[in-house]
Amino acid sequence: MLSGAETVSEIQTKVRSDRGLLGGFGYQRCADASVIQQTLDASTEATVASLESALAEVRLKQGQGRQVSLGAEDEIGVDIDLSSLPIGKHAEGSEKGYVAKKPNTYTRQLARCVCGDTQEIFTQALYPGKTNSDAVFKPMLGKLETVLTLDSVEKRSRVRLRFDAGFGTDANINYALWRGYRLIGKMYNSRRIQK
């Protein structure tokens, strides 16, 4: 992740050749992509939950979310987005979903809460291909609150959520306002906006 690799196959070109990155972690060599893929394939829900917990700790100690969780007065911007990830039709959660200019593409949906200023990923989750933005809004806010320890209205009021129209239903907007967040977003229904 630190080298910018997004797929296991990129380990060969981006990680193995980066001696400085490997040295920073005390390694002289990098495992082959096939060995890393075997490790990922052996992962269970428990190991993924453990990794998420460890990453949350690192984010709170080192990341942008630290200022909110520690009670600093600064406001932080968080972008919520849902992106299509085209994938083979036999993959877990793969369904025909919307991918711009690619009809009938099998996909999964990646939901992310990202720091607007630094692009630091606070939390992310993978959903089946037909999942709509409005359905993931509340679960993603729950994950964000856990990761950044947004356990009070005072802390949540320093978070400015930014989202596109897919998330902007009445129910989602009212929920976020009730929880104490500040909002910048688009409404879900264009006819309503015109009125």
N, C-alpha and C. Protein backbone atom coordinates (compact mmCIF):
# COMPACT_ATOMS: atom_id res chain seq x y z
N MET A 1 0.83 -1.20 0.00
CA MET A 1 0.00 0.00 0.00
C MET A 1 0.87 1.26 0.00
N LEU A 2 1.97 1.23 0.75
CA LEU A 2 2.84 2.40 0.82
C LEU A 2 3.53 2.70 -0.50
N SER A 3 3.67 1.71 -1.35
CA SER A 3 4.34 1.91 -2.64
C SER A 3 3.35 2.33 -3.73
N GLY A 4 2.07 2.38 -3.41
CA GLY A 4 1.06 2.75 -4.39
C GLY A 4 0.47 1.56 -5.13
N ALA A 5 0.84 0.35 -4.77
CA ALA A 5 0.31 -0.84 -5.43
C ALA A 5 -1.13 -1.06 -5.00
N GLU A 6 -1.99 -1.36 -5.95
CA GLU A 6 -3.39 -1.62 -5.67
C GLU A 6 -3.77 -3.08 -5.89
N THR A 7 -2.93 -3.83 -6.58
CA THR A 7 -3.19 -5.24 -6.83
C THR A 7 -1.97 -6.06 -6.43
N VAL A 8 -2.18 -7.33 -6.19
CA VAL A 8 -1.08 -8.21 -5.80
C VAL A 8 -0.04 -8.30 -6.91
N SER A 9 -0.48 -8.28 -8.16
CA SER A 9 0.47 -8.42 -9.27
C SER A 9 1.46 -7.25 -9.33
N GLU A 10 1.08 -6.09 -8.80
CA GLU A 10 1.97 -4.93 -8.83
C GLU A 10 3.13 -5.05 -7.84
N ILE A 11 3.07 -6.05 -6.97
CA ILE A 11 4.17 -6.27 -6.03
C ILE A 11 5.47 -6.49 -6.79
N GLN A 12 5.37 -7.20 -7.92
CA GLN A 12 6.57 -7.51 -8.71
C GLN A 12 7.27 -6.24 -9.19
N THR A 13 6.50 -5.22 -9.59
CA THR A 13 7.11 -4.04 -10.19
C THR A 13 7.28 -2.87 -9.22
N LYS A 14 6.41 -2.76 -8.21
CA LYS A 14 6.46 -1.59 -7.34
C LYS A 14 7.10 -1.85 -5.97
N VAL A 15 6.96 -3.04 -5.43
CA VAL A 15 7.46 -3.30 -4.09
C VAL A 15 8.83 -3.97 -4.12
N ARG A 16 8.96 -5.02 -4.92
CA ARG A 16 10.23 -5.77 -4.94
C ARG A 16 11.41 -4.89 -5.36
N SER A 17 11.16 -3.91 -6.20
CA SER A 17 12.25 -3.06 -6.70
C SER A 17 12.54 -1.87 -5.78
N ASP A 18 11.70 -1.62 -4.78
CA ASP A 18 11.86 -0.47 -3.89
C ASP A 18 12.67 -0.87 -2.66
N ARG A 19 13.97 -0.81 -2.76
CA ARG A 19 14.88 -1.23 -1.68
C ARG A 19 14.70 -0.36 -0.43
N GLY A 20 14.44 0.93 -0.63
CA GLY A 20 14.26 1.83 0.50
C GLY A 20 13.05 1.45 1.34
N LEU A 21 11.94 1.13 0.67
CA LEU A 21 10.72 0.72 1.38
C LEU A 21 10.96 -0.58 2.15
N LEU A 22 11.57 -1.55 1.48
CA LEU A 22 11.85 -2.83 2.14
C LEU A 22 12.79 -2.63 3.33
N GLY A 23 13.83 -1.80 3.14
CA GLY A 23 14.78 -1.54 4.22
C GLY A 23 14.12 -0.85 5.40
N GLY A 24 13.14 0.00 5.14
CA GLY A 24 12.42 0.68 6.21
C GLY A 24 11.69 -0.27 7.14
N PHE A 25 11.34 -1.44 6.62
CA PHE A 25 10.67 -2.46 7.43
C PHE A 25 11.63 -3.56 7.87
N GLY A 26 12.93 -3.38 7.56
CA GLY A 26 13.93 -4.36 7.99
C GLY A 26 14.05 -5.56 7.08
N TYR A 27 13.56 -5.47 5.85
CA TYR A 27 13.65 -6.59 4.92
C TYR A 27 14.69 -6.31 3.84
N GLN A 28 15.33 -7.37 3.38
CA GLN A 28 16.25 -7.25 2.26
C GLN A 28 15.58 -7.66 0.96
N ARG A 29 14.58 -8.56 1.07
CA ARG A 29 13.87 -9.05 -0.11
C ARG A 29 12.37 -9.06 0.16
N CYS A 30 11.61 -9.17 -0.92
CA CYS A 30 10.15 -9.21 -0.83
C CYS A 30 9.65 -10.57 -1.30
N ALA A 31 8.62 -11.05 -0.67
CA ALA A 31 8.02 -12.32 -1.08
C ALA A 31 7.47 -12.22 -2.50
N ASP A 32 7.39 -13.33 -3.17
CA ASP A 32 6.82 -13.39 -4.51
C ASP A 32 5.31 -13.16 -4.43
N ALA A 33 4.75 -12.60 -5.49
CA ALA A 33 3.32 -12.30 -5.52
C ALA A 33 2.46 -13.53 -5.27
N SER A 34 2.88 -14.69 -5.77
CA SER A 34 2.08 -15.91 -5.58
C SER A 34 2.03 -16.33 -4.11
N VAL A 35 3.12 -16.12 -3.37
CA VAL A 35 3.15 -16.45 -1.95
C VAL A 35 2.25 -15.48 -1.18
N ILE A 36 2.30 -14.22 -1.53
CA ILE A 36 1.44 -13.22 -0.88
C ILE A 36 -0.02 -13.52 -1.16
N GLN A 37 -0.34 -13.95 -2.39
CA GLN A 37 -1.72 -14.29 -2.73
C GLN A 37 -2.20 -15.49 -1.92
N GLN A 38 -1.34 -16.47 -1.71
CA GLN A 38 -1.70 -17.63 -0.87
C GLN A 38 -2.01 -17.18 0.55
N THR A 39 -1.24 -16.25 1.06
CA THR A 39 -1.48 -15.72 2.41
C THR A 39 -2.83 -15.01 2.46
N LEU A 40 -3.13 -14.20 1.46
CA LEU A 40 -4.41 -13.50 1.41
C LEU A 40 -5.57 -14.48 1.29
N ASP A 41 -5.39 -15.52 0.49
CA ASP A 41 -6.44 -16.53 0.33
C ASP A 41 -6.73 -17.27 1.64
N ALA A 42 -5.72 -17.38 2.50
CA ALA A 42 -5.89 -18.09 3.77
C ALA A 42 -6.54 -17.21 4.84
N SER A 43 -6.76 -15.92 4.53
CA SER A 43 -7.35 -15.01 5.51
C SER A 43 -8.77 -15.40 5.85
N THR A 44 -9.14 -15.17 7.10
CA THR A 44 -10.50 -15.42 7.57
C THR A 44 -11.11 -14.09 8.01
N GLU A 45 -12.39 -14.11 8.36
CA GLU A 45 -13.03 -12.90 8.86
C GLU A 45 -12.34 -12.40 10.12
N ALA A 46 -11.87 -13.32 10.95
CA ALA A 46 -11.18 -12.94 12.19
C ALA A 46 -9.86 -12.23 11.90
N THR A 47 -9.10 -12.73 10.92
CA THR A 47 -7.82 -12.08 10.61
C THR A 47 -8.04 -10.72 9.96
N VAL A 48 -9.08 -10.59 9.16
CA VAL A 48 -9.41 -9.30 8.55
C VAL A 48 -9.83 -8.30 9.63
N ALA A 49 -10.64 -8.75 10.58
CA ALA A 49 -11.07 -7.88 11.68
C ALA A 49 -9.87 -7.45 12.52
N SER A 50 -8.94 -8.36 12.74
CA SER A 50 -7.73 -8.04 13.50
C SER A 50 -6.89 -7.00 12.77
N LEU A 51 -6.76 -7.15 11.44
CA LEU A 51 -6.01 -6.19 10.64
C LEU A 51 -6.69 -4.82 10.67
N GLU A 52 -8.02 -4.80 10.54
CA GLU A 52 -8.75 -3.53 10.59
C GLU A 52 -8.53 -2.83 11.93
N SER A 53 -8.53 -3.59 13.00
CA SER A 53 -8.31 -3.03 14.34
C SER A 53 -6.91 -2.44 14.45
N ALA A 54 -5.92 -3.15 13.95
CA ALA A 54 -4.53 -2.66 14.00
C ALA A 54 -4.38 -1.40 13.17
N LEU A 55 -4.98 -1.37 11.98
CA LEU A 55 -4.92 -0.18 11.13
C LEU A 55 -5.61 1.01 11.78
N ALA A 56 -6.72 0.76 12.47
CA ALA A 56 -7.43 1.83 13.18
C ALA A 56 -6.53 2.45 14.26
N GLU A 57 -5.79 1.61 14.97
CA GLU A 57 -4.87 2.12 16.00
C GLU A 57 -3.79 2.99 15.38
N VAL A 58 -3.23 2.53 14.26
CA VAL A 58 -2.19 3.32 13.58
C VAL A 58 -2.76 4.64 13.11
N ARG A 59 -3.97 4.62 12.54
CA ARG A 59 -4.59 5.86 12.06
C ARG A 59 -4.81 6.85 13.20
N LEU A 60 -5.24 6.34 14.34
CA LEU A 60 -5.49 7.24 15.47
C LEU A 60 -4.20 7.84 16.03
N LYS A 61 -3.10 7.10 15.94
CA LYS A 61 -1.84 7.62 16.45
C LYS A 61 -1.13 8.52 15.45
N GLN A 62 -1.26 8.21 14.16
CA GLN A 62 -0.47 8.91 13.16
C GLN A 62 -1.26 9.73 12.14
N GLY A 63 -2.53 9.41 11.95
CA GLY A 63 -3.28 10.00 10.84
C GLY A 63 -4.01 11.28 11.16
N GLN A 64 -4.72 11.78 10.16
CA GLN A 64 -5.49 13.01 10.27
C GLN A 64 -6.65 12.90 11.25
N GLY A 65 -7.19 11.71 11.42
CA GLY A 65 -8.31 11.52 12.33
C GLY A 65 -7.93 11.77 13.78
N ARG A 66 -6.65 11.78 14.06
CA ARG A 66 -6.16 11.99 15.43
C ARG A 66 -6.66 13.32 15.99
N GLN A 67 -6.69 14.37 15.15
CA GLN A 67 -7.10 15.68 15.63
C GLN A 67 -8.55 15.69 16.09
N VAL A 68 -9.40 14.91 15.44
CA VAL A 68 -10.81 14.85 15.84
C VAL A 68 -10.97 14.02 17.09
N SER A 69 -10.33 12.85 17.12
CA SER A 69 -10.50 11.94 18.25
C SER A 69 -9.90 12.51 19.54
N LEU A 70 -8.88 13.37 19.43
CA LEU A 70 -8.26 13.95 20.62
C LEU A 70 -8.97 15.23 21.07
N GLY A 71 -9.94 15.69 20.30
CA GLY A 71 -10.71 16.86 20.71
C GLY A 71 -10.15 18.17 20.22
N ALA A 72 -9.31 18.17 19.20
CA ALA A 72 -8.81 19.43 18.64
C ALA A 72 -9.97 20.21 18.05
N GLU A 73 -9.79 21.50 17.92
CA GLU A 73 -10.87 22.36 17.44
C GLU A 73 -10.99 22.36 15.91
N ASP A 74 -9.99 21.88 15.21
CA ASP A 74 -10.00 21.90 13.75
C ASP A 74 -11.09 21.00 13.19
N GLU A 75 -11.68 21.46 12.09
CA GLU A 75 -12.67 20.67 11.38
C GLU A 75 -11.94 19.79 10.37
N ILE A 76 -12.47 18.60 10.13
CA ILE A 76 -11.87 17.69 9.16
C ILE A 76 -12.91 17.32 8.12
N GLY A 77 -12.50 17.30 6.86
CA GLY A 77 -13.40 16.92 5.77
C GLY A 77 -13.28 15.44 5.46
N VAL A 78 -14.42 14.77 5.32
CA VAL A 78 -14.44 13.35 5.00
C VAL A 78 -15.32 13.13 3.77
N ASP A 79 -14.74 12.58 2.72
CA ASP A 79 -15.49 12.26 1.50
C ASP A 79 -15.97 10.82 1.59
N ILE A 80 -17.26 10.61 1.30
CA ILE A 80 -17.81 9.26 1.25
C ILE A 80 -18.11 8.95 -0.21
N ASP A 81 -17.61 7.81 -0.68
CA ASP A 81 -17.75 7.49 -2.09
C ASP A 81 -17.97 5.99 -2.27
N LEU A 82 -18.63 5.64 -3.36
CA LEU A 82 -18.83 4.25 -3.74
C LEU A 82 -18.33 4.09 -5.17
N SER A 83 -17.38 3.19 -5.37
CA SER A 83 -16.76 3.00 -6.68
C SER A 83 -16.93 1.58 -7.16
N SER A 84 -17.18 1.43 -8.45
CA SER A 84 -17.28 0.11 -9.06
C SER A 84 -15.90 -0.49 -9.26
N LEU A 85 -15.79 -1.78 -8.98
CA LEU A 85 -14.56 -2.52 -9.23
C LEU A 85 -14.88 -3.67 -10.17
N PRO A 86 -14.65 -3.51 -11.47
CA PRO A 86 -14.93 -4.61 -12.40
C PRO A 86 -14.15 -5.86 -12.01
N ILE A 87 -14.82 -7.01 -12.14
CA ILE A 87 -14.23 -8.27 -11.69
C ILE A 87 -14.85 -9.42 -12.47
N GLY A 88 -14.26 -10.59 -12.42
CA GLY A 88 -14.80 -11.76 -13.10
C GLY A 88 -16.15 -12.17 -12.53
N LYS A 89 -16.97 -12.82 -13.35
CA LYS A 89 -18.33 -13.14 -12.92
C LYS A 89 -18.40 -14.23 -11.86
N HIS A 90 -17.32 -14.96 -11.62
CA HIS A 90 -17.34 -16.03 -10.61
C HIS A 90 -16.77 -15.59 -9.26
N ALA A 91 -16.33 -14.35 -9.15
CA ALA A 91 -15.78 -13.86 -7.89
C ALA A 91 -16.88 -13.66 -6.86
N GLU A 92 -16.52 -13.77 -5.59
CA GLU A 92 -17.48 -13.58 -4.50
C GLU A 92 -18.06 -12.17 -4.55
N GLY A 93 -19.39 -12.06 -4.49
CA GLY A 93 -20.07 -10.76 -4.51
C GLY A 93 -20.16 -10.13 -5.88
N SER A 94 -19.72 -10.83 -6.90
CA SER A 94 -19.75 -10.29 -8.26
C SER A 94 -21.16 -10.32 -8.82
N GLU A 95 -21.62 -9.18 -9.30
CA GLU A 95 -22.94 -9.04 -9.92
C GLU A 95 -22.83 -8.04 -11.05
N LYS A 96 -23.75 -8.11 -12.00
CA LYS A 96 -23.78 -7.09 -13.04
C LYS A 96 -24.22 -5.79 -12.38
N GLY A 97 -23.37 -4.80 -12.48
CA GLY A 97 -23.66 -3.51 -11.87
C GLY A 97 -23.27 -2.39 -12.80
N TYR A 98 -23.46 -1.18 -12.34
CA TYR A 98 -23.17 -0.01 -13.18
C TYR A 98 -21.67 0.27 -13.21
N VAL A 99 -21.13 0.30 -14.41
CA VAL A 99 -19.77 0.76 -14.67
C VAL A 99 -19.86 1.68 -15.87
N ALA A 100 -19.42 2.91 -15.72
CA ALA A 100 -19.55 3.91 -16.79
C ALA A 100 -18.98 3.40 -18.11
N LYS A 101 -19.78 3.50 -19.15
CA LYS A 101 -19.42 3.14 -20.53
C LYS A 101 -19.06 1.66 -20.71
N LYS A 102 -19.46 0.82 -19.75
CA LYS A 102 -19.19 -0.62 -19.85
C LYS A 102 -20.44 -1.38 -19.41
N PRO A 103 -21.44 -1.47 -20.27
CA PRO A 103 -22.66 -2.18 -19.88
C PRO A 103 -22.41 -3.68 -19.68
N ASN A 104 -23.24 -4.28 -18.84
CA ASN A 104 -23.17 -5.72 -18.55
C ASN A 104 -21.83 -6.17 -17.98
N THR A 105 -21.21 -5.32 -17.19
CA THR A 105 -19.93 -5.65 -16.57
C THR A 105 -20.18 -6.20 -15.17
N TYR A 106 -19.50 -7.28 -14.83
CA TYR A 106 -19.57 -7.81 -13.48
C TYR A 106 -18.68 -6.96 -12.58
N THR A 107 -19.20 -6.65 -11.42
CA THR A 107 -18.49 -5.72 -10.55
C THR A 107 -18.79 -5.98 -9.08
N ARG A 108 -17.99 -5.40 -8.24
CA ARG A 108 -18.27 -5.24 -6.81
C ARG A 108 -18.18 -3.75 -6.53
N GLN A 109 -18.70 -3.32 -5.41
CA GLN A 109 -18.69 -1.90 -5.06
C GLN A 109 -17.79 -1.68 -3.85
N LEU A 110 -16.90 -0.70 -3.95
CA LEU A 110 -16.00 -0.36 -2.86
C LEU A 110 -16.44 0.96 -2.25
N ALA A 111 -16.86 0.92 -0.99
CA ALA A 111 -17.25 2.14 -0.27
C ALA A 111 -16.06 2.60 0.57
N ARG A 112 -15.80 3.90 0.52
CA ARG A 112 -14.67 4.45 1.26
C ARG A 112 -15.05 5.75 1.96
N CYS A 113 -14.48 5.95 3.13
CA CYS A 113 -14.49 7.24 3.82
C CYS A 113 -13.05 7.73 3.80
N VAL A 114 -12.81 8.86 3.12
CA VAL A 114 -11.46 9.34 2.86
C VAL A 114 -11.31 10.77 3.38
N CYS A 115 -10.16 11.09 3.97
CA CYS A 115 -9.87 12.46 4.37
C CYS A 115 -9.76 13.31 3.11
N GLY A 116 -10.59 14.34 3.01
CA GLY A 116 -10.63 15.16 1.80
C GLY A 116 -9.33 15.88 1.50
N ASP A 117 -8.56 16.26 2.53
CA ASP A 117 -7.34 17.02 2.31
C ASP A 117 -6.14 16.15 1.94
N THR A 118 -6.02 14.99 2.57
CA THR A 118 -4.82 14.17 2.39
C THR A 118 -5.05 12.87 1.64
N GLN A 119 -6.31 12.53 1.37
CA GLN A 119 -6.69 11.27 0.73
C GLN A 119 -6.37 10.05 1.58
N GLU A 120 -6.16 10.24 2.88
CA GLU A 120 -5.98 9.12 3.81
C GLU A 120 -7.29 8.36 3.92
N ILE A 121 -7.24 7.05 3.74
CA ILE A 121 -8.45 6.22 3.83
C ILE A 121 -8.71 5.91 5.29
N PHE A 122 -9.84 6.41 5.81
CA PHE A 122 -10.20 6.13 7.19
C PHE A 122 -10.82 4.74 7.32
N THR A 123 -11.72 4.42 6.40
CA THR A 123 -12.35 3.10 6.42
C THR A 123 -12.87 2.77 5.03
N GLN A 124 -12.99 1.48 4.76
CA GLN A 124 -13.52 1.03 3.48
C GLN A 124 -14.19 -0.33 3.66
N ALA A 125 -15.10 -0.62 2.76
CA ALA A 125 -15.81 -1.90 2.81
C ALA A 125 -16.20 -2.30 1.39
N LEU A 126 -16.24 -3.60 1.15
CA LEU A 126 -16.58 -4.14 -0.16
C LEU A 126 -18.00 -4.67 -0.13
N TYR A 127 -18.79 -4.32 -1.15
CA TYR A 127 -20.19 -4.72 -1.25
C TYR A 127 -20.45 -5.39 -2.60
N PRO A 128 -21.54 -6.17 -2.69
CA PRO A 128 -21.91 -6.78 -3.98
C PRO A 128 -22.13 -5.72 -5.06
N GLY A 129 -22.06 -6.15 -6.31
CA GLY A 129 -22.08 -5.25 -7.46
C GLY A 129 -23.32 -4.40 -7.63
N LYS A 130 -24.48 -4.84 -7.18
CA LYS A 130 -25.71 -4.07 -7.37
C LYS A 130 -26.02 -3.12 -6.21
N THR A 131 -25.12 -3.02 -5.25
CA THR A 131 -25.34 -2.18 -4.07
C THR A 131 -25.38 -0.71 -4.47
N ASN A 132 -26.39 0.01 -3.95
CA ASN A 132 -26.52 1.44 -4.21
C ASN A 132 -25.89 2.25 -3.08
N SER A 133 -25.51 3.47 -3.40
CA SER A 133 -24.86 4.35 -2.44
C SER A 133 -25.69 4.56 -1.18
N ASP A 134 -26.99 4.79 -1.36
CA ASP A 134 -27.82 5.12 -0.20
C ASP A 134 -27.86 3.99 0.83
N ALA A 135 -27.65 2.76 0.39
CA ALA A 135 -27.69 1.61 1.30
C ALA A 135 -26.44 1.48 2.18
N VAL A 136 -25.33 2.09 1.77
CA VAL A 136 -24.09 1.94 2.53
C VAL A 136 -23.77 3.15 3.40
N PHE A 137 -24.57 4.19 3.32
CA PHE A 137 -24.27 5.43 4.04
C PHE A 137 -24.20 5.23 5.56
N LYS A 138 -25.25 4.68 6.14
CA LYS A 138 -25.27 4.49 7.60
C LYS A 138 -24.21 3.50 8.08
N PRO A 139 -24.04 2.35 7.42
CA PRO A 139 -22.96 1.45 7.86
C PRO A 139 -21.57 2.08 7.78
N MET A 140 -21.33 2.89 6.74
CA MET A 140 -20.02 3.53 6.61
C MET A 140 -19.81 4.59 7.69
N LEU A 141 -20.87 5.32 8.05
CA LEU A 141 -20.74 6.28 9.14
C LEU A 141 -20.45 5.56 10.46
N GLY A 142 -21.08 4.41 10.65
CA GLY A 142 -20.80 3.61 11.85
C GLY A 142 -19.35 3.19 11.92
N LYS A 143 -18.80 2.75 10.80
CA LYS A 143 -17.39 2.36 10.76
C LYS A 143 -16.48 3.57 11.00
N LEU A 144 -16.85 4.71 10.41
CA LEU A 144 -16.07 5.93 10.58
C LEU A 144 -16.05 6.34 12.05
N GLU A 145 -17.20 6.27 12.70
CA GLU A 145 -17.29 6.63 14.12
C GLU A 145 -16.43 5.72 14.97
N THR A 146 -16.36 4.45 14.63
CA THR A 146 -15.53 3.51 15.37
C THR A 146 -14.05 3.81 15.17
N VAL A 147 -13.66 4.01 13.92
CA VAL A 147 -12.25 4.23 13.59
C VAL A 147 -11.73 5.53 14.20
N LEU A 148 -12.53 6.60 14.13
CA LEU A 148 -12.08 7.90 14.63
C LEU A 148 -12.55 8.18 16.06
N THR A 149 -13.14 7.19 16.71
CA THR A 149 -13.74 7.34 18.05
C THR A 149 -14.59 8.60 18.16
N LEU A 150 -15.53 8.72 17.24
CA LEU A 150 -16.47 9.84 17.24
C LEU A 150 -17.62 9.49 18.16
N ASP A 151 -17.35 9.48 19.45
CA ASP A 151 -18.31 9.00 20.43
C ASP A 151 -19.17 10.09 21.06
N SER A 152 -19.09 11.31 20.53
CA SER A 152 -19.93 12.39 21.05
C SER A 152 -20.36 13.30 19.91
N VAL A 153 -21.45 14.02 20.14
CA VAL A 153 -21.94 14.98 19.14
C VAL A 153 -20.89 16.07 18.94
N GLU A 154 -20.19 16.43 19.99
CA GLU A 154 -19.16 17.46 19.89
C GLU A 154 -18.07 17.06 18.89
N LYS A 155 -17.62 15.81 18.96
CA LYS A 155 -16.59 15.33 18.03
C LYS A 155 -17.15 15.24 16.62
N ARG A 156 -18.37 14.70 16.48
CA ARG A 156 -18.96 14.55 15.14
C ARG A 156 -19.23 15.91 14.49
N SER A 157 -19.47 16.94 15.29
CA SER A 157 -19.75 18.27 14.73
C SER A 157 -18.51 18.89 14.08
N ARG A 158 -17.33 18.34 14.34
CA ARG A 158 -16.11 18.82 13.70
C ARG A 158 -15.78 18.04 12.42
N VAL A 159 -16.69 17.14 12.02
CA VAL A 159 -16.50 16.36 10.80
C VAL A 159 -17.47 16.89 9.73
N ARG A 160 -16.90 17.29 8.60
CA ARG A 160 -17.70 17.77 7.46
C ARG A 160 -17.76 16.65 6.42
N LEU A 161 -18.93 16.05 6.28
CA LEU A 161 -19.12 14.97 5.31
C LEU A 161 -19.39 15.55 3.93
N ARG A 162 -18.76 14.98 2.93
CA ARG A 162 -19.02 15.40 1.55
C ARG A 162 -19.40 14.15 0.76
N PHE A 163 -20.51 14.25 0.01
CA PHE A 163 -21.00 13.08 -0.72
C PHE A 163 -21.73 13.52 -1.98
N ASP A 164 -21.89 12.57 -2.91
CA ASP A 164 -22.60 12.87 -4.15
C ASP A 164 -24.07 12.49 -4.01
N ALA A 165 -24.81 12.65 -5.08
CA ALA A 165 -26.28 12.51 -5.04
C ALA A 165 -26.73 11.11 -4.65
N GLY A 166 -25.98 10.09 -4.94
CA GLY A 166 -26.40 8.73 -4.60
C GLY A 166 -26.60 8.52 -3.11
N PHE A 167 -25.88 9.28 -2.29
CA PHE A 167 -26.00 9.18 -0.84
C PHE A 167 -27.05 10.14 -0.27
N GLY A 168 -27.48 11.12 -1.08
CA GLY A 168 -28.27 12.24 -0.58
C GLY A 168 -29.76 12.03 -0.44
N THR A 169 -30.18 10.91 0.11
CA THR A 169 -31.61 10.71 0.36
C THR A 169 -32.01 11.47 1.63
N ASP A 170 -33.32 11.73 1.76
CA ASP A 170 -33.81 12.40 2.97
C ASP A 170 -33.39 11.65 4.23
N ALA A 171 -33.55 10.33 4.20
CA ALA A 171 -33.23 9.51 5.37
C ALA A 171 -31.76 9.64 5.75
N ASN A 172 -30.87 9.59 4.77
CA ASN A 172 -29.44 9.69 5.06
C ASN A 172 -29.05 11.08 5.57
N ILE A 173 -29.59 12.11 4.93
CA ILE A 173 -29.27 13.48 5.35
C ILE A 173 -29.78 13.73 6.77
N ASN A 174 -31.02 13.32 7.03
CA ASN A 174 -31.57 13.51 8.37
C ASN A 174 -30.78 12.73 9.42
N TYR A 175 -30.37 11.52 9.07
CA TYR A 175 -29.59 10.70 10.00
C TYR A 175 -28.27 11.40 10.34
N ALA A 176 -27.56 11.89 9.31
CA ALA A 176 -26.26 12.54 9.54
C ALA A 176 -26.43 13.82 10.36
N LEU A 177 -27.47 14.60 10.07
CA LEU A 177 -27.71 15.82 10.84
C LEU A 177 -28.07 15.49 12.28
N TRP A 178 -28.89 14.46 12.47
CA TRP A 178 -29.26 14.04 13.81
C TRP A 178 -28.04 13.59 14.61
N ARG A 179 -27.07 12.96 13.93
CA ARG A 179 -25.85 12.51 14.60
C ARG A 179 -24.90 13.67 14.89
N GLY A 180 -25.14 14.85 14.26
CA GLY A 180 -24.33 16.03 14.55
C GLY A 180 -23.30 16.40 13.51
N TYR A 181 -23.27 15.73 12.37
CA TYR A 181 -22.29 16.03 11.32
C TYR A 181 -22.64 17.31 10.57
N ARG A 182 -21.62 17.92 9.97
CA ARG A 182 -21.82 19.01 9.00
C ARG A 182 -21.83 18.35 7.63
N LEU A 183 -22.57 18.91 6.69
CA LEU A 183 -22.77 18.25 5.39
C LEU A 183 -22.52 19.17 4.21
N ILE A 184 -21.92 18.60 3.18
CA ILE A 184 -21.86 19.20 1.85
C ILE A 184 -22.20 18.06 0.91
N GLY A 185 -23.31 18.17 0.21
CA GLY A 185 -23.70 17.06 -0.65
C GLY A 185 -24.78 17.45 -1.64
N LYS A 186 -25.09 16.51 -2.48
CA LYS A 186 -26.14 16.69 -3.47
C LYS A 186 -27.36 15.89 -3.05
N MET A 187 -28.53 16.41 -3.41
CA MET A 187 -29.77 15.70 -3.13
C MET A 187 -29.93 14.55 -4.11
N TYR A 188 -30.63 13.53 -3.69
CA TYR A 188 -30.81 12.32 -4.49
C TYR A 188 -31.74 12.54 -5.67
N ASN A 189 -32.76 13.38 -5.53
CA ASN A 189 -33.80 13.51 -6.55
C ASN A 189 -33.68 14.84 -7.28
N SER A 190 -33.42 14.80 -8.58
CA SER A 190 -33.25 16.04 -9.35
C SER A 190 -34.55 16.83 -9.46
N ARG A 191 -35.70 16.16 -9.50
CA ARG A 191 -36.97 16.89 -9.56
C ARG A 191 -37.18 17.73 -8.31
N ARG A 192 -36.80 17.19 -7.19
CA ARG A 192 -36.94 17.94 -5.93
C ARG A 192 -36.07 19.18 -5.95
N ILE A 193 -34.87 19.05 -6.47
CA ILE A 193 -33.95 20.18 -6.54
C ILE A 193 -34.53 21.28 -7.42
N GLN A 194 -35.13 20.88 -8.54
CA GLN A 194 -35.73 21.86 -9.45
C GLN A 194 -36.88 22.60 -8.78
N LYS A 195 -37.67 21.91 -7.95
CA LYS A 195 -38.75 22.57 -7.22
C LYS A 195 -38.21 23.59 -6.26
